[in-house]
Amino acid sequence: MCFVNCVIYATNAIAEPAIGEIATLTEPSLRARAQGTIRPQFPASAMKTRAEGVAVAELEINSTGAITSLTILQAPDRSIEEAFASTVRSWKFAPLVNETGVAIKARGKLTYYFVIENHVGHVFDPIEAVDHAMPTEHHLRFRRGKARQSTN
C-alpha cells in the first residue's frame, strides 16, 4: 500500500518540439537524464514545525544539459522550497538530441515527497513514494496529490 496514488507516468517519453520550441520530458525521462544528482535534505526548521508534503519544480534545460530556469510550483513550507531548489540547481543533465542529431532544449517537472515518520524526516522521489508503505495518517494528508501541514 502506498501513500501516493496520484503518481502517473506517461508512456511517451519525449514530445517532439516544433521549430523553436522546447521538448517536454516526462518525469521518468528527465530523471533518467540527470547526472550526479543529490537528494534534497529534510530541513530542520520543517521538522520543528512538522511541515511535510509534496514539492514540485519545473526545470528548463539548455542544449548542454545545464538548468537555465527553475520554478518551484508547489512546496508545503518555505524551508522545504529552499532546500529543494538549492539541491536541484546543482544537478546537470545529459543533453537531449533530436532525430537529426542536434542537441535541443528541454523542460520537465521533478517531484519529491517530504514526509515525517516516527519523528524522522524522509525525502522520497515518486518511485520510492509509491513503493513505500506509509501509516494511514499519511494516506489522508497526501490524497489527490495535495499535502497538508501536519497539526500534530
C-alpha atoms as a PDB file:
ATOM      1  CA  MET A   1       0.000   0.000   0.000  1.00  0.00           C
ATOM      2  CA  CYS A   2       1.408   3.419  -0.863  1.00  0.00           C
ATOM      3  CA  PHE A   3       0.638   6.892   0.384  1.00  0.00           C
ATOM      4  CA  VAL A   4       0.651   8.482  -3.052  1.00  0.00           C
ATOM      5  CA  ASN A   5      -1.909   7.256  -5.503  1.00  0.00           C
ATOM      6  CA  CYS A   6      -1.681  10.210  -7.864  1.00  0.00           C
ATOM      7  CA  VAL A   7       1.669   9.401  -9.495  1.00  0.00           C
ATOM      8  CA  ILE A   8       1.060   8.514 -13.113  1.00  0.00           C
ATOM      9  CA  TYR A   9       3.815   8.070 -15.666  1.00  0.00           C
ATOM     10  CA  ALA A  10       3.183   8.718 -19.326  1.00  0.00           C
ATOM     11  CA  THR A  11       4.402   6.075 -21.741  1.00  0.00           C
ATOM     12  CA  ASN A  12       5.539   8.697 -24.258  1.00  0.00           C
ATOM     13  CA  ALA A  13       8.962   9.828 -23.011  1.00  0.00           C
ATOM     14  CA  ILE A  14       9.535  12.859 -25.241  1.00  0.00           C
ATOM     15  CA  ALA A  15       7.142  15.163 -27.012  1.00  0.00           C
ATOM     16  CA  GLU A  16       8.948  16.312 -30.183  1.00  0.00           C
ATOM     17  CA  PRO A  17       9.103  20.108 -30.267  1.00  0.00           C
ATOM     18  CA  ALA A  18       8.148  22.258 -33.201  1.00  0.00           C
ATOM     19  CA  ILE A  19      10.879  24.508 -34.588  1.00  0.00           C
ATOM     20  CA  GLY A  20      11.999  26.981 -31.914  1.00  0.00           C
ATOM     21  CA  GLU A  21      10.164  25.229 -29.073  1.00  0.00           C
ATOM     22  CA  ILE A  22      11.403  23.201 -26.136  1.00  0.00           C
ATOM     23  CA  ALA A  23      10.932  19.415 -25.837  1.00  0.00           C
ATOM     24  CA  THR A  24       8.816  18.354 -22.859  1.00  0.00           C
ATOM     25  CA  LEU A  25      10.093  15.342 -20.909  1.00  0.00           C
ATOM     26  CA  THR A  26       8.079  13.153 -18.579  1.00  0.00           C
ATOM     27  CA  GLU A  27       9.437  12.974 -15.039  1.00  0.00           C
ATOM     28  CA  PRO A  28      10.956   9.494 -15.525  1.00  0.00           C
ATOM     29  CA  SER A  29      12.703  10.673 -18.715  1.00  0.00           C
ATOM     30  CA  LEU A  30      14.001  13.798 -17.000  1.00  0.00           C
ATOM     31  CA  ARG A  31      15.286  11.785 -14.026  1.00  0.00           C
ATOM     32  CA  ALA A  32      16.953   9.291 -16.398  1.00  0.00           C
ATOM     33  CA  ARG A  33      18.912  12.171 -17.982  1.00  0.00           C
ATOM     34  CA  ALA A  34      20.065  13.535 -14.607  1.00  0.00           C
ATOM     35  CA  GLN A  35      23.773  13.113 -13.853  1.00  0.00           C
ATOM     36  CA  GLY A  36      25.490  13.416 -10.478  1.00  0.00           C
ATOM     37  CA  THR A  37      22.324  14.175  -8.558  1.00  0.00           C
ATOM     38  CA  ILE A  38      21.970  14.555  -4.828  1.00  0.00           C
ATOM     39  CA  ARG A  39      18.749  14.152  -2.863  1.00  0.00           C
ATOM     40  CA  PRO A  40      17.255  17.153  -1.051  1.00  0.00           C
ATOM     41  CA  GLN A  41      17.645  17.017   2.735  1.00  0.00           C
ATOM     42  CA  PHE A  42      14.674  17.407   5.070  1.00  0.00           C
ATOM     43  CA  PRO A  43      15.180  20.867   6.657  1.00  0.00           C
ATOM     44  CA  ALA A  44      15.496  21.041  10.442  1.00  0.00           C
ATOM     45  CA  SER A  45      13.123  24.024  10.547  1.00  0.00           C
ATOM     46  CA  ALA A  46      10.461  21.997   8.714  1.00  0.00           C
ATOM     47  CA  MET A  47      10.904  19.212  11.274  1.00  0.00           C
ATOM     48  CA  LYS A  48      10.364  21.713  14.113  1.00  0.00           C
ATOM     49  CA  THR A  49       7.101  22.962  12.584  1.00  0.00           C
ATOM     50  CA  ARG A  50       6.157  19.431  11.394  1.00  0.00           C
ATOM     51  CA  ALA A  51       5.736  20.715   7.838  1.00  0.00           C
ATOM     52  CA  GLU A  52       5.560  17.947   5.265  1.00  0.00           C
ATOM     53  CA  GLY A  53       4.167  17.439   1.805  1.00  0.00           C
ATOM     54  CA  VAL A  54       4.816  17.449  -1.918  1.00  0.00           C
ATOM     55  CA  ALA A  55       7.397  19.679  -3.604  1.00  0.00           C
ATOM     56  CA  VAL A  56       7.269  20.115  -7.385  1.00  0.00           C
ATOM     57  CA  ALA A  57       9.717  22.032  -9.577  1.00  0.00           C
ATOM     58  CA  GLU A  58       9.622  22.820 -13.283  1.00  0.00           C
ATOM     59  CA  LEU A  59      13.018  22.940 -14.988  1.00  0.00           C
ATOM     60  CA  GLU A  60      14.239  24.202 -18.318  1.00  0.00           C
ATOM     61  CA  ILE A  61      17.479  22.706 -19.572  1.00  0.00           C
ATOM     62  CA  ASN A  62      19.662  24.104 -22.343  1.00  0.00           C
ATOM     63  CA  SER A  63      21.255  22.111 -25.149  1.00  0.00           C
ATOM     64  CA  THR A  64      24.340  21.355 -22.993  1.00  0.00           C
ATOM     65  CA  GLY A  65      22.247  19.918 -20.125  1.00  0.00           C
ATOM     66  CA  ALA A  66      22.558  22.870 -17.730  1.00  0.00           C
ATOM     67  CA  ILE A  67      19.494  24.179 -15.873  1.00  0.00           C
ATOM     68  CA  THR A  68      18.557  27.604 -17.231  1.00  0.00           C
ATOM     69  CA  SER A  69      15.299  28.044 -15.322  1.00  0.00           C
ATOM     70  CA  LEU A  70      13.914  26.506 -12.140  1.00  0.00           C
ATOM     71  CA  THR A  71      10.453  27.345 -10.824  1.00  0.00           C
ATOM     72  CA  ILE A  72       9.034  25.829  -7.649  1.00  0.00           C
ATOM     73  CA  LEU A  73       5.392  25.089  -8.456  1.00  0.00           C
ATOM     74  CA  GLN A  74       4.466  23.622  -5.081  1.00  0.00           C
ATOM     75  CA  ALA A  75       6.091  23.246  -1.667  1.00  0.00           C
ATOM     76  CA  PRO A  76       4.494  22.826   1.764  1.00  0.00           C
ATOM     77  CA  ASP A  77       6.916  25.148   3.571  1.00  0.00           C
ATOM     78  CA  ARG A  78       9.441  27.868   2.707  1.00  0.00           C
ATOM     79  CA  SER A  79      12.373  25.880   4.145  1.00  0.00           C
ATOM     80  CA  ILE A  80      11.413  22.824   2.077  1.00  0.00           C
ATOM     81  CA  GLU A  81      11.115  25.028  -1.009  1.00  0.00           C
ATOM     82  CA  GLU A  82      14.596  26.459  -0.418  1.00  0.00           C
ATOM     83  CA  ALA A  83      16.195  23.051   0.284  1.00  0.00           C
ATOM     84  CA  PHE A  84      14.559  21.542  -2.805  1.00  0.00           C
ATOM     85  CA  ALA A  85      15.515  24.433  -5.103  1.00  0.00           C
ATOM     86  CA  SER A  86      19.119  24.702  -3.935  1.00  0.00           C
ATOM     87  CA  THR A  87      19.672  20.957  -4.332  1.00  0.00           C
ATOM     88  CA  VAL A  88      18.118  20.701  -7.796  1.00  0.00           C
ATOM     89  CA  ARG A  89      20.068  23.757  -9.026  1.00  0.00           C
ATOM     90  CA  SER A  90      23.247  21.696  -8.597  1.00  0.00           C
ATOM     91  CA  TRP A  91      22.024  18.967 -10.969  1.00  0.00           C
ATOM     92  CA  LYS A  92      23.297  18.532 -14.527  1.00  0.00           C
ATOM     93  CA  PHE A  93      21.561  16.600 -17.296  1.00  0.00           C
ATOM     94  CA  ALA A  94      22.654  14.648 -20.351  1.00  0.00           C
ATOM     95  CA  PRO A  95      21.881  16.759 -23.423  1.00  0.00           C
ATOM     96  CA  LEU A  96      18.758  15.829 -25.349  1.00  0.00           C
ATOM     97  CA  VAL A  97      19.328  15.158 -29.055  1.00  0.00           C
ATOM     98  CA  ASN A  98      16.605  15.288 -31.691  1.00  0.00           C
ATOM     99  CA  GLU A  99      16.157  12.896 -34.643  1.00  0.00           C
ATOM    100  CA  THR A 100      18.689  14.811 -36.741  1.00  0.00           C
ATOM    101  CA  GLY A 101      21.380  14.620 -34.029  1.00  0.00           C
ATOM    102  CA  VAL A 102      21.105  18.230 -32.876  1.00  0.00           C
ATOM    103  CA  ALA A 103      21.144  18.963 -29.128  1.00  0.00           C
ATOM    104  CA  ILE A 104      17.934  20.726 -28.112  1.00  0.00           C
ATOM    105  CA  LYS A 105      16.449  22.419 -25.051  1.00  0.00           C
ATOM    106  CA  ALA A 106      14.054  20.552 -22.786  1.00  0.00           C
ATOM    107  CA  ARG A 107      11.686  21.106 -19.883  1.00  0.00           C
ATOM    108  CA  GLY A 108      10.148  18.851 -17.301  1.00  0.00           C
ATOM    109  CA  LYS A 109       8.965  18.555 -13.723  1.00  0.00           C
ATOM    110  CA  LEU A 110      10.574  16.947 -10.682  1.00  0.00           C
ATOM    111  CA  THR A 111       8.672  15.830  -7.604  1.00  0.00           C
ATOM    112  CA  TYR A 112       9.821  14.943  -4.099  1.00  0.00           C
ATOM    113  CA  TYR A 113       7.731  13.950  -1.095  1.00  0.00           C
ATOM    114  CA  PHE A 114       8.867  15.335   2.269  1.00  0.00           C
ATOM    115  CA  VAL A 115       7.446  13.053   4.956  1.00  0.00           C
ATOM    116  CA  ILE A 116       7.815  12.878   8.742  1.00  0.00           C
ATOM    117  CA  GLU A 117       7.608   9.323  10.012  1.00  0.00           C
ATOM    118  CA  ASN A 118       8.350   8.348  13.625  1.00  0.00           C
ATOM    119  CA  HIS A 119       9.821  11.817  14.279  1.00  0.00           C
ATOM    120  CA  VAL A 120      12.283  11.457  11.377  1.00  0.00           C
ATOM    121  CA  GLY A 121      12.150  13.488   8.169  1.00  0.00           C
ATOM    122  CA  HIS A 122      12.348  11.496   4.932  1.00  0.00           C
ATOM    123  CA  VAL A 123      12.547  12.640   1.314  1.00  0.00           C
ATOM    124  CA  PHE A 124      11.172  10.285  -1.362  1.00  0.00           C
ATOM    125  CA  ASP A 125      11.118  10.510  -5.137  1.00  0.00           C
ATOM    126  CA  PRO A 126       7.900   9.324  -6.854  1.00  0.00           C
ATOM    127  CA  ILE A 127       9.085   5.732  -7.348  1.00  0.00           C
ATOM    128  CA  GLU A 128      10.101   5.417  -3.698  1.00  0.00           C
ATOM    129  CA  ALA A 129       6.858   7.073  -2.602  1.00  0.00           C
ATOM    130  CA  VAL A 130       4.775   4.505  -4.473  1.00  0.00           C
ATOM    131  CA  ASP A 131       6.837   1.634  -3.085  1.00  0.00           C
ATOM    132  CA  HIS A 132       6.947   2.947   0.497  1.00  0.00           C
ATOM    133  CA  ALA A 133       4.193   1.780   2.845  1.00  0.00           C
ATOM    134  CA  MET A 134       3.005   4.704   4.951  1.00  0.00           C
ATOM    135  CA  PRO A 135       0.803   4.933   8.040  1.00  0.00           C
ATOM    136  CA  THR A 136      -2.868   5.744   7.492  1.00  0.00           C
ATOM    137  CA  GLU A 137      -2.448   9.400   8.536  1.00  0.00           C
ATOM    138  CA  HIS A 138      -0.183   9.936   5.512  1.00  0.00           C
ATOM    139  CA  HIS A 139      -2.799   8.496   3.160  1.00  0.00           C
ATOM    140  CA  LEU A 140      -5.186  11.205   4.316  1.00  0.00           C
ATOM    141  CA  ARG A 141      -2.702  14.081   4.040  1.00  0.00           C
ATOM    142  CA  PHE A 142      -1.479  13.087   0.573  1.00  0.00           C
ATOM    143  CA  ARG A 143      -4.736  12.142  -1.132  1.00  0.00           C
ATOM    144  CA  ARG A 144      -5.242  13.649  -4.576  1.00  0.00           C
ATOM    145  CA  GLY A 145      -1.608  14.783  -4.535  1.00  0.00           C
ATOM    146  CA  LYS A 146      -2.203  17.715  -2.197  1.00  0.00           C
ATOM    147  CA  ALA A 147      -0.335  17.703   1.067  1.00  0.00           C
ATOM    148  CA  ARG A 148      -1.477  19.449   4.180  1.00  0.00           C
ATOM    149  CA  GLN A 149       0.679  20.674   7.013  1.00  0.00           C
ATOM    150  CA  SER A 150       0.597  18.342   9.981  1.00  0.00           C
ATOM    151  CA  THR A 151      -1.334  19.550  13.018  1.00  0.00           C
ATOM    152  CA  ASN A 152       0.408  17.188  15.460  1.00  0.00           C
END
